[in-house]
Amino acid sequence: MTGKLYQKLVKNLTTKETKKFNAWLEEFHSIDIAEVLSELSDKELLQFYELTNYENMAIILEQAEEKTQVRLLRLIELEDETKLFSQMSTDNLTDIMGNLPFKERKELLNRMKNNKSGPVSNLLGYDTESAGGLMTTEYIALNEGLTIAQVLNKIKTIGITTEVIDTIYVLNDNKLVGIADLRNILAADEKSLLRDVTDYNVVSVLPNDDQEEISLLVAKYDLTAIPVVNRKDQLLGIITVDDIIDVIETENTEDMFRMVGVSEEESVHSSLKNSIKKRLPWLIINLATAFLASFTVGLFEDIIAQVVALAAAMPIVAGMGGNAGTQTLSVVIRGIALGEIDLRENWRFVFKEIGLGLINGAVTGLLTGIILYFQYGNPYLGLIIFLAMIGNLLIAGLAGFLIPLFLELIGVDPALASAIFVTTATDVFGFFIFLGLAKMMLGFIS
């Protein structure tokens, strides 16, 4: 789709008819056009800008990649940037301006009208990953004492300039007290008051609340938007569901990368130097833990030398332990991210992991023991790996469950550091149990 659209777009850039070009653009979703912009050269990107009206350009630019946004803004005049930004919603405008140098940002704010520059300046003051950094100031907030007729007139007047219209935020003495659904407002008698259709059980967040916590609230209460208030319950803005979806995607990607020791800032387009900088430290830490496992094996060199079959079976014990630990780790980290697991409240789950490790270890250990018996003709070797598998999968379950919870307790990101410690635990203890049992039963397997 993107390749064909790119070819069509480049072909249409040769036209001089702006109306025809903008009509053609409206045949596609803006996000599809935005994706293609990253493939255009600077010359083609400037041609695209010159053919596109400000309204279409603003919608497309809002959804483009950060690098593409900055690249385009470098190609156009400051006055054109101001006109383009006037077509954007405050939250999207804030995100884009946050990527610009301070001097350019300040000059743009000075050029903007006060009704736009004021809210954007305030939003730029918040952390980008906080409620304040995500919120928009384009919403409808009305006093609960208004009649439904008055409410409908105000919605008609200001609704076109707001991002969310299906939810009306209800105020009393400039404080947020509830929300009203547009459907209920339309169905109500025009002489009744807004308070009659207001839901006073409102869920809100503070401007410095973390974006991940906010996404959990939105998911929990099935919200399409969530209000942001200050300590005095005065409404500062709202966070819409489209921004929450972006947060969820970002957080999931971040956790996935961190579990394998990769920075969320890295991509396939990152430079060789940057990728080395992001990955090498974690590989060195992994190397240190690998030496710990190697040292454990070294303690039993004489046993391995006498029974070569042990060397062939060792990777099975370590590999199964690592896989079992990763399974538990993935479930626990997701539970932590969703706020479902807390060691102080959910300690009984430890017993579940013990049972799981015993059962899974017994089943996989029995299968492995049978295979090794037929391969080497020694029932004691099968017994050793059976017991070692039970012990290592038990350790894997406990490590995968307890390590991320402990790291969270001491303030370390469990997604970032857990995998290294879990793998180390399963390798070291797996080798130690397996080779320790082999040493105890050496007279039966040699």
Protein backbone atom coordinates (compact mmCIF):
# COMPACT_ATOMS: atom_id res chain seq x y z
CA MET A 1 0.00 0.00 0.00
CA THR A 2 2.72 2.49 1.05
CA GLY A 3 4.89 1.76 -2.02
CA LYS A 4 2.03 2.28 -4.47
CA LEU A 5 0.85 5.39 -2.65
CA TYR A 6 4.38 6.81 -2.73
CA GLN A 7 4.51 6.38 -6.51
CA LYS A 8 1.10 8.02 -6.93
CA LEU A 9 2.07 10.88 -4.63
CA VAL A 10 5.35 11.61 -6.41
CA LYS A 11 3.51 11.56 -9.74
CA ASN A 12 0.87 14.00 -8.45
CA LEU A 13 3.53 16.39 -7.17
CA THR A 14 4.13 17.50 -10.76
CA THR A 15 0.65 19.05 -10.95
CA LYS A 16 0.17 22.79 -10.58
CA GLU A 17 -3.52 22.51 -9.63
CA THR A 18 -3.67 22.80 -5.85
CA LYS A 19 -7.43 22.21 -5.64
CA LYS A 20 -7.16 19.01 -7.64
CA PHE A 21 -4.21 17.87 -5.55
CA ASN A 22 -6.00 18.48 -2.23
CA ALA A 23 -9.10 16.71 -3.51
CA TRP A 24 -6.90 13.74 -4.40
CA LEU A 25 -5.36 13.76 -0.90
CA GLU A 26 -8.80 13.49 0.69
CA GLU A 27 -9.31 10.12 -1.00
CA PHE A 28 -6.80 8.62 1.47
CA HIS A 29 -6.49 8.39 5.23
CA SER A 30 -4.21 11.12 6.58
CA ILE A 31 -2.07 8.57 8.46
CA ASP A 32 -1.27 6.78 5.16
CA ILE A 33 -0.13 10.04 3.58
CA ALA A 34 1.86 10.87 6.73
CA GLU A 35 3.76 7.56 6.48
CA VAL A 36 4.70 8.28 2.86
CA LEU A 37 6.10 11.74 3.74
CA SER A 38 9.08 10.11 5.48
CA GLU A 39 10.13 8.61 2.13
CA LEU A 40 10.13 11.94 0.26
CA SER A 41 13.30 13.91 -0.38
CA ASP A 42 13.53 17.48 0.98
CA LYS A 43 12.68 18.83 -2.48
CA GLU A 44 9.62 16.57 -2.78
CA LEU A 45 8.53 17.35 0.78
CA LEU A 46 8.64 21.07 0.05
CA GLN A 47 6.65 20.52 -3.17
CA PHE A 48 4.06 18.59 -1.17
CA TYR A 49 3.79 21.45 1.33
CA GLU A 50 3.38 24.08 -1.38
CA LEU A 51 0.53 22.12 -3.02
CA THR A 52 -1.32 21.25 0.19
CA ASN A 53 -3.67 23.69 1.91
CA TYR A 54 -3.01 24.53 5.56
CA GLU A 55 -5.94 22.48 6.89
CA ASN A 56 -4.89 19.24 5.16
CA MET A 57 -1.22 19.86 5.89
CA ALA A 58 -1.92 20.32 9.62
CA ILE A 59 -3.90 17.07 9.85
CA ILE A 60 -1.21 15.11 8.02
CA LEU A 61 1.70 16.68 9.88
CA GLU A 62 0.10 15.85 13.25
CA GLN A 63 0.36 12.14 12.38
CA ALA A 64 3.78 12.17 10.74
CA GLU A 65 6.97 10.88 12.38
CA GLU A 66 8.88 13.33 14.59
CA LYS A 67 11.84 13.42 12.19
CA THR A 68 9.53 14.23 9.27
CA GLN A 69 7.80 16.97 11.27
CA VAL A 70 11.08 18.64 12.16
CA ARG A 71 12.45 18.21 8.61
CA LEU A 72 9.44 19.96 7.06
CA LEU A 73 9.52 22.81 9.57
CA ARG A 74 13.18 23.40 8.66
CA LEU A 75 12.18 23.83 5.01
CA ILE A 76 9.46 26.47 5.46
CA GLU A 77 9.44 30.05 6.69
CA LEU A 78 8.60 30.94 10.29
CA GLU A 79 5.50 32.81 9.15
CA ASP A 80 4.26 29.69 7.34
CA GLU A 81 4.89 27.62 10.46
CA THR A 82 2.67 30.00 12.44
CA LYS A 83 -0.16 29.69 9.92
CA LEU A 84 0.19 25.92 9.88
CA PHE A 85 0.16 25.67 13.67
CA SER A 86 -3.00 27.77 13.87
CA GLN A 87 -4.86 24.82 12.30
CA MET A 88 -3.70 22.30 14.92
CA SER A 89 -5.15 21.20 18.25
CA THR A 90 -3.19 22.40 21.28
CA ASP A 91 -2.01 18.95 22.42
CA ASN A 92 -0.67 17.95 18.99
CA LEU A 93 0.86 21.38 18.52
CA THR A 94 2.58 21.07 21.90
CA ASP A 95 4.07 17.69 20.94
CA ILE A 96 5.50 19.10 17.71
CA MET A 97 6.85 22.30 19.27
CA GLY A 98 8.49 20.28 22.01
CA ASN A 99 10.89 18.91 19.37
CA LEU A 100 11.97 22.37 18.21
CA PRO A 101 14.94 24.38 19.55
CA PHE A 102 14.04 26.73 22.42
CA LYS A 103 14.75 29.91 20.44
CA GLU A 104 12.52 28.88 17.52
CA ARG A 105 9.80 27.70 19.91
CA LYS A 106 9.83 31.03 21.76
CA GLU A 107 9.61 33.04 18.53
CA LEU A 108 6.68 30.94 17.30
CA LEU A 109 4.82 31.44 20.58
CA ASN A 110 5.33 35.19 20.31
CA ARG A 111 3.83 35.17 16.81
CA MET A 112 0.76 33.16 17.79
CA LYS A 113 -2.49 34.64 18.99
CA ASN A 114 -2.89 34.75 22.76
CA ASN A 115 -5.75 32.23 22.73
CA LYS A 116 -3.33 29.67 21.26
CA SER A 117 0.06 30.62 22.67
CA GLY A 118 -1.07 30.73 26.31
CA PRO A 119 -2.34 27.12 26.49
CA VAL A 120 0.60 25.82 24.46
CA SER A 121 3.12 27.59 26.74
CA ASN A 122 1.45 26.01 29.77
CA LEU A 123 1.46 22.55 28.22
CA LEU A 124 5.13 22.82 27.27
CA GLY A 125 5.92 23.29 30.96
CA TYR A 126 4.84 19.74 31.80
CA ASP A 127 6.80 16.53 31.42
CA THR A 128 5.93 14.91 28.07
CA GLU A 129 5.09 11.63 29.82
CA SER A 130 2.78 13.21 32.40
CA ALA A 131 -0.94 14.02 32.30
CA GLY A 132 -0.10 17.68 31.71
CA GLY A 133 2.05 16.80 28.71
CA LEU A 134 -0.72 14.68 27.19
CA MET A 135 -3.75 16.86 27.80
CA THR A 136 -5.55 19.20 25.44
CA THR A 137 -7.33 22.37 26.47
CA GLU A 138 -10.00 22.02 23.77
CA TYR A 139 -13.09 20.77 25.62
CA ILE A 140 -16.52 21.98 26.72
CA ALA A 141 -17.01 22.81 30.41
CA LEU A 142 -20.31 24.34 31.58
CA ASN A 143 -21.89 25.33 34.88
CA GLU A 144 -24.30 22.79 36.37
CA GLY A 145 -26.95 25.50 36.90
CA LEU A 146 -27.53 26.06 33.15
CA THR A 147 -30.72 24.82 31.54
CA ILE A 148 -30.51 22.17 28.84
CA ALA A 149 -31.60 24.78 26.28
CA GLN A 150 -28.68 27.02 27.28
CA VAL A 151 -26.32 24.06 27.21
CA LEU A 152 -27.36 23.12 23.66
CA ASN A 153 -26.87 26.71 22.45
CA LYS A 154 -23.37 26.81 23.93
CA ILE A 155 -22.49 23.44 22.38
CA LYS A 156 -23.57 24.73 18.96
CA THR A 157 -21.47 27.86 19.44
CA ILE A 158 -18.20 26.40 20.75
CA GLY A 159 -18.47 22.72 19.80
CA ILE A 160 -16.78 23.16 16.43
CA THR A 161 -13.52 24.32 18.08
CA THR A 162 -13.28 21.50 20.63
CA GLU A 163 -11.64 18.09 20.31
CA VAL A 164 -14.29 16.23 22.34
CA ILE A 165 -17.99 17.01 22.12
CA ASP A 166 -19.68 13.81 23.30
CA THR A 167 -18.71 14.50 26.93
CA ILE A 168 -19.52 17.79 28.67
CA TYR A 169 -17.55 18.63 31.80
CA VAL A 170 -19.74 20.05 34.55
CA LEU A 171 -18.51 22.81 36.86
CA ASN A 172 -19.64 24.35 40.13
CA ASP A 173 -17.80 27.43 41.32
CA ASN A 174 -15.11 26.76 38.68
CA LYS A 175 -14.48 23.28 40.09
CA LEU A 176 -15.03 20.04 38.20
CA VAL A 177 -17.91 18.19 39.86
CA GLY A 178 -19.06 15.73 37.19
CA ILE A 179 -19.58 14.86 33.54
CA ALA A 180 -22.64 14.80 31.30
CA ASP A 181 -23.10 12.59 28.26
CA LEU A 182 -24.27 14.42 25.11
CA ARG A 183 -26.81 11.66 24.47
CA ASN A 184 -28.47 12.33 27.84
CA ILE A 185 -28.43 16.07 27.20
CA LEU A 186 -30.17 15.65 23.83
CA ALA A 187 -32.81 13.39 25.40
CA ALA A 188 -33.52 15.71 28.35
CA ASP A 189 -36.26 18.34 28.63
CA GLU A 190 -34.95 21.75 27.58
CA LYS A 191 -36.24 23.34 30.78
CA SER A 192 -34.40 20.92 33.07
CA LEU A 193 -30.95 21.75 34.41
CA LEU A 194 -27.58 20.32 33.44
CA ARG A 195 -27.16 18.95 36.97
CA ASP A 196 -30.16 16.69 36.34
CA VAL A 197 -28.22 14.68 33.74
CA THR A 198 -24.80 14.92 35.40
CA ASP A 199 -22.83 11.94 36.64
CA TYR A 200 -21.06 13.16 39.78
CA ASN A 201 -18.89 10.04 40.09
CA VAL A 202 -16.07 11.49 37.99
CA VAL A 203 -12.59 9.98 37.55
CA SER A 204 -9.79 12.53 37.17
CA VAL A 205 -5.99 12.79 37.34
CA LEU A 206 -3.45 15.37 38.42
CA PRO A 207 -1.16 17.09 35.87
CA ASN A 208 2.02 15.38 37.13
CA ASP A 209 0.56 11.84 37.16
CA ASP A 210 2.53 9.38 35.01
CA GLN A 211 1.10 8.43 31.61
CA GLU A 212 1.22 4.69 32.36
CA GLU A 213 -0.95 5.13 35.47
CA ILE A 214 -3.40 7.21 33.44
CA SER A 215 -3.67 4.55 30.72
CA LEU A 216 -4.54 1.97 33.40
CA LEU A 217 -7.34 4.22 34.72
CA VAL A 218 -8.76 4.77 31.23
CA ALA A 219 -8.73 1.02 30.56
CA LYS A 220 -10.19 0.19 33.98
CA TYR A 221 -13.14 2.59 33.73
CA ASP A 222 -13.60 2.27 29.95
CA LEU A 223 -13.25 6.03 29.36
CA THR A 224 -13.06 7.90 26.06
CA ALA A 225 -11.45 10.89 27.79
CA ILE A 226 -10.18 11.65 31.28
CA PRO A 227 -10.08 15.14 32.87
CA VAL A 228 -6.94 16.66 34.37
CA VAL A 229 -7.46 18.82 37.47
CA ASN A 230 -5.26 20.68 39.95
CA ARG A 231 -5.25 20.23 43.71
CA LYS A 232 -8.30 22.51 43.97
CA ASP A 233 -10.27 20.36 41.48
CA GLN A 234 -10.13 23.11 38.85
CA LEU A 235 -10.22 21.66 35.33
CA LEU A 236 -6.94 22.15 33.44
CA GLY A 237 -7.55 19.96 30.39
CA ILE A 238 -8.55 16.50 29.19
CA ILE A 239 -6.68 13.50 27.79
CA THR A 240 -8.42 11.82 24.87
CA VAL A 241 -8.46 8.12 24.07
CA ASP A 242 -6.33 8.52 20.91
CA ASP A 243 -3.47 9.82 23.06
CA ILE A 244 -4.00 6.97 25.54
CA ILE A 245 -3.72 4.42 22.72
CA ASP A 246 -0.37 5.98 21.76
CA VAL A 247 0.75 5.73 25.40
CA ILE A 248 -0.22 2.05 25.64
CA GLU A 249 1.65 1.28 22.42
CA THR A 250 4.71 3.19 23.62
CA GLU A 251 4.73 1.56 27.06
CA ASN A 252 4.29 -1.94 25.62
CA THR A 253 7.13 -1.37 23.15
CA GLU A 254 9.30 0.04 25.94
CA ASP A 255 8.70 -2.99 28.19
CA MET A 256 9.31 -5.43 25.33
CA PHE A 257 12.62 -3.78 24.46
CA ARG A 258 13.76 -3.51 28.06
CA MET A 259 13.12 -7.20 28.74
CA VAL A 260 15.86 -8.03 26.23
CA GLY A 261 18.19 -5.20 27.23
CA VAL A 262 17.41 -2.86 24.32
CA SER A 263 16.63 0.83 24.76
CA GLU A 264 13.19 2.00 23.63
CA GLU A 265 14.98 4.91 21.93
CA GLU A 266 16.63 2.53 19.45
CA SER A 267 15.15 1.56 16.08
CA VAL A 268 16.30 -0.07 12.86
CA HIS A 269 17.23 3.43 11.66
CA SER A 270 19.57 4.10 14.62
CA SER A 271 23.24 4.68 13.81
CA LEU A 272 25.83 1.95 14.47
CA LYS A 273 27.40 4.08 17.22
CA ASN A 274 24.07 4.65 18.97
CA SER A 275 23.10 0.96 18.80
CA ILE A 276 26.46 -0.07 20.27
CA LYS A 277 26.06 2.50 23.05
CA LYS A 278 22.58 1.20 23.92
CA ARG A 279 23.26 -2.55 23.73
CA LEU A 280 26.89 -3.13 24.72
CA PRO A 281 26.54 -2.33 28.47
CA TRP A 282 23.83 -4.97 28.88
CA LEU A 283 25.84 -7.51 26.90
CA ILE A 284 28.77 -6.92 29.25
CA ILE A 285 26.51 -7.50 32.25
CA ASN A 286 25.25 -10.68 30.57
CA LEU A 287 28.86 -11.71 30.00
CA ALA A 288 29.58 -11.32 33.73
CA THR A 289 26.62 -13.53 34.64
CA ALA A 290 27.68 -16.07 31.99
CA PHE A 291 31.07 -16.34 33.71
CA LEU A 292 29.21 -17.07 36.96
CA ALA A 293 27.44 -19.99 35.27
CA SER A 294 30.76 -21.08 33.74
CA PHE A 295 32.40 -21.01 37.17
CA THR A 296 29.63 -23.27 38.50
CA VAL A 297 30.27 -25.78 35.71
CA GLY A 298 34.01 -25.55 36.39
CA LEU A 299 33.47 -26.85 39.91
CA PHE A 300 32.40 -30.18 38.40
CA GLU A 301 35.00 -30.52 35.58
CA ASP A 302 36.23 -33.87 36.89
CA ILE A 303 32.67 -35.28 36.93
CA ILE A 304 31.96 -34.14 33.36
CA ALA A 305 35.29 -35.63 32.20
CA GLN A 306 34.27 -39.02 33.58
CA VAL A 307 30.72 -38.97 32.18
CA VAL A 308 30.64 -37.23 28.77
CA ALA A 309 26.84 -37.70 28.54
CA LEU A 310 26.48 -35.01 31.22
CA ALA A 311 27.85 -32.37 28.83
CA ALA A 312 25.17 -33.27 26.29
CA ALA A 313 22.37 -33.07 28.88
CA MET A 314 23.44 -29.81 30.58
CA PRO A 315 22.01 -27.46 27.89
CA ILE A 316 18.62 -29.16 28.25
CA VAL A 317 18.42 -28.33 31.97
CA ALA A 318 19.59 -24.73 31.49
CA GLY A 319 17.41 -24.13 28.42
CA MET A 320 14.20 -25.45 30.00
CA GLY A 321 14.85 -23.45 33.15
CA GLY A 322 15.43 -20.28 31.13
CA ASN A 323 12.23 -20.78 29.12
CA ALA A 324 10.15 -21.47 32.24
CA GLY A 325 11.59 -18.41 33.98
CA THR A 326 10.84 -16.20 30.97
CA GLN A 327 7.23 -17.44 30.88
CA THR A 328 6.68 -16.50 34.52
CA LEU A 329 8.60 -13.25 34.11
CA SER A 330 6.43 -12.12 31.17
CA VAL A 331 3.21 -12.78 33.10
CA VAL A 332 4.47 -11.01 36.23
CA ILE A 333 5.82 -7.93 34.43
CA ARG A 334 2.53 -7.53 32.59
CA GLY A 335 0.70 -7.93 35.92
CA ILE A 336 2.88 -5.21 37.46
CA ALA A 337 2.27 -2.91 34.47
CA LEU A 338 -1.49 -3.38 34.83
CA GLY A 339 -1.37 -2.91 38.60
CA GLU A 340 -2.63 -6.46 39.23
CA ILE A 341 0.28 -7.79 41.32
CA ASP A 342 1.79 -6.57 44.57
CA LEU A 343 4.04 -8.85 46.64
CA ARG A 344 2.62 -7.62 49.94
CA GLU A 345 -0.94 -8.42 48.85
CA ASN A 346 -0.39 -11.33 46.45
CA TRP A 347 2.29 -13.39 48.29
CA ARG A 348 0.02 -16.46 48.08
CA PHE A 349 0.79 -16.63 44.35
CA VAL A 350 4.26 -17.85 45.38
CA PHE A 351 2.67 -21.20 46.28
CA LYS A 352 1.08 -21.37 42.84
CA GLU A 353 4.51 -20.93 41.23
CA ILE A 354 5.91 -23.67 43.48
CA GLY A 355 3.16 -26.04 42.35
CA LEU A 356 3.60 -25.01 38.72
CA GLY A 357 7.35 -25.59 38.88
CA LEU A 358 6.90 -29.03 40.46
CA ILE A 359 4.31 -30.20 37.93
CA ASN A 360 5.99 -28.77 34.81
CA GLY A 361 9.37 -29.96 36.02
CA ALA A 362 8.08 -33.47 36.69
CA VAL A 363 6.40 -33.78 33.27
CA THR A 364 9.29 -32.39 31.20
CA GLY A 365 11.84 -34.16 33.41
CA LEU A 366 10.09 -37.50 32.95
CA LEU A 367 10.04 -37.10 29.16
CA THR A 368 13.71 -36.05 29.10
CA GLY A 369 14.70 -38.89 31.46
CA ILE A 370 13.01 -41.49 29.23
CA ILE A 371 14.74 -40.14 26.11
CA LEU A 372 18.17 -40.13 27.80
CA TYR A 373 17.60 -43.65 29.12
CA PHE A 374 17.02 -44.97 25.59
CA GLN A 375 19.90 -42.88 24.24
CA TYR A 376 22.53 -43.91 26.80
CA GLY A 377 20.96 -47.02 28.36
CA ASN A 378 21.46 -45.71 31.90
CA PRO A 379 18.34 -45.31 34.10
CA TYR A 380 20.28 -43.32 36.73
CA LEU A 381 21.15 -40.61 34.20
CA GLY A 382 17.42 -40.36 33.46
CA LEU A 383 16.68 -40.10 37.18
CA ILE A 384 19.27 -37.36 37.65
CA ILE A 385 17.87 -35.16 34.90
CA PHE A 386 14.31 -35.86 36.13
CA LEU A 387 15.18 -34.51 39.59
CA ALA A 388 17.30 -31.66 38.18
CA MET A 389 14.47 -30.56 35.90
CA ILE A 390 12.03 -30.42 38.81
CA GLY A 391 14.49 -28.40 40.90
CA ASN A 392 15.41 -25.96 38.14
CA LEU A 393 11.84 -25.29 36.98
CA LEU A 394 10.87 -24.71 40.60
CA ILE A 395 13.69 -22.16 40.90
CA ALA A 396 12.74 -20.66 37.52
CA GLY A 397 9.15 -20.09 38.65
CA LEU A 398 10.18 -18.53 41.96
CA ALA A 399 12.87 -16.34 40.34
CA GLY A 400 10.53 -15.22 37.54
CA PHE A 401 7.91 -14.26 40.11
CA LEU A 402 9.95 -12.79 42.97
CA ILE A 403 12.79 -10.98 41.18
CA PRO A 404 10.65 -8.42 39.24
CA LEU A 405 8.53 -7.76 42.35
CA PHE A 406 11.64 -7.22 44.46
CA LEU A 407 13.17 -4.88 41.86
CA GLU A 408 9.95 -2.85 41.77
CA LEU A 409 10.01 -2.68 45.58
CA ILE A 410 13.50 -1.11 45.59
CA GLY A 411 12.68 1.28 42.74
CA VAL A 412 14.39 -0.51 39.82
CA ASP A 413 12.45 -1.01 36.58
CA PRO A 414 11.59 -4.75 36.59
CA ALA A 415 11.25 -4.86 32.80
CA LEU A 416 14.80 -3.57 32.40
CA ALA A 417 16.77 -5.79 34.79
CA SER A 418 14.71 -8.90 35.60
CA ALA A 419 15.65 -11.06 32.60
CA ILE A 420 19.38 -10.97 33.42
CA PHE A 421 18.88 -12.08 37.02
CA VAL A 422 16.29 -14.75 36.15
CA THR A 423 18.55 -16.25 33.46
CA THR A 424 21.51 -16.22 35.84
CA ALA A 425 19.48 -17.97 38.55
CA THR A 426 18.23 -20.73 36.22
CA ASP A 427 21.68 -21.30 34.67
CA VAL A 428 23.66 -21.34 37.91
CA PHE A 429 21.20 -23.34 40.00
CA GLY A 430 20.30 -25.60 37.08
CA PHE A 431 23.94 -26.59 36.50
CA PHE A 432 24.62 -26.88 40.22
CA ILE A 433 21.64 -29.17 40.89
CA PHE A 434 22.23 -31.34 37.83
CA LEU A 435 26.00 -31.75 38.31
CA GLY A 436 25.64 -31.99 42.08
CA LEU A 437 23.24 -34.92 41.70
CA ALA A 438 25.59 -36.48 39.13
CA LYS A 439 28.48 -36.24 41.62
CA MET A 440 26.37 -37.92 44.33
CA MET A 441 25.42 -40.78 41.97
CA LEU A 442 28.73 -40.99 40.11
CA GLY A 443 29.15 -44.67 40.98
CA PHE A 444 25.89 -45.51 39.15
CA ILE A 445 26.41 -43.48 35.95
CA SER A 446 30.17 -43.83 35.27
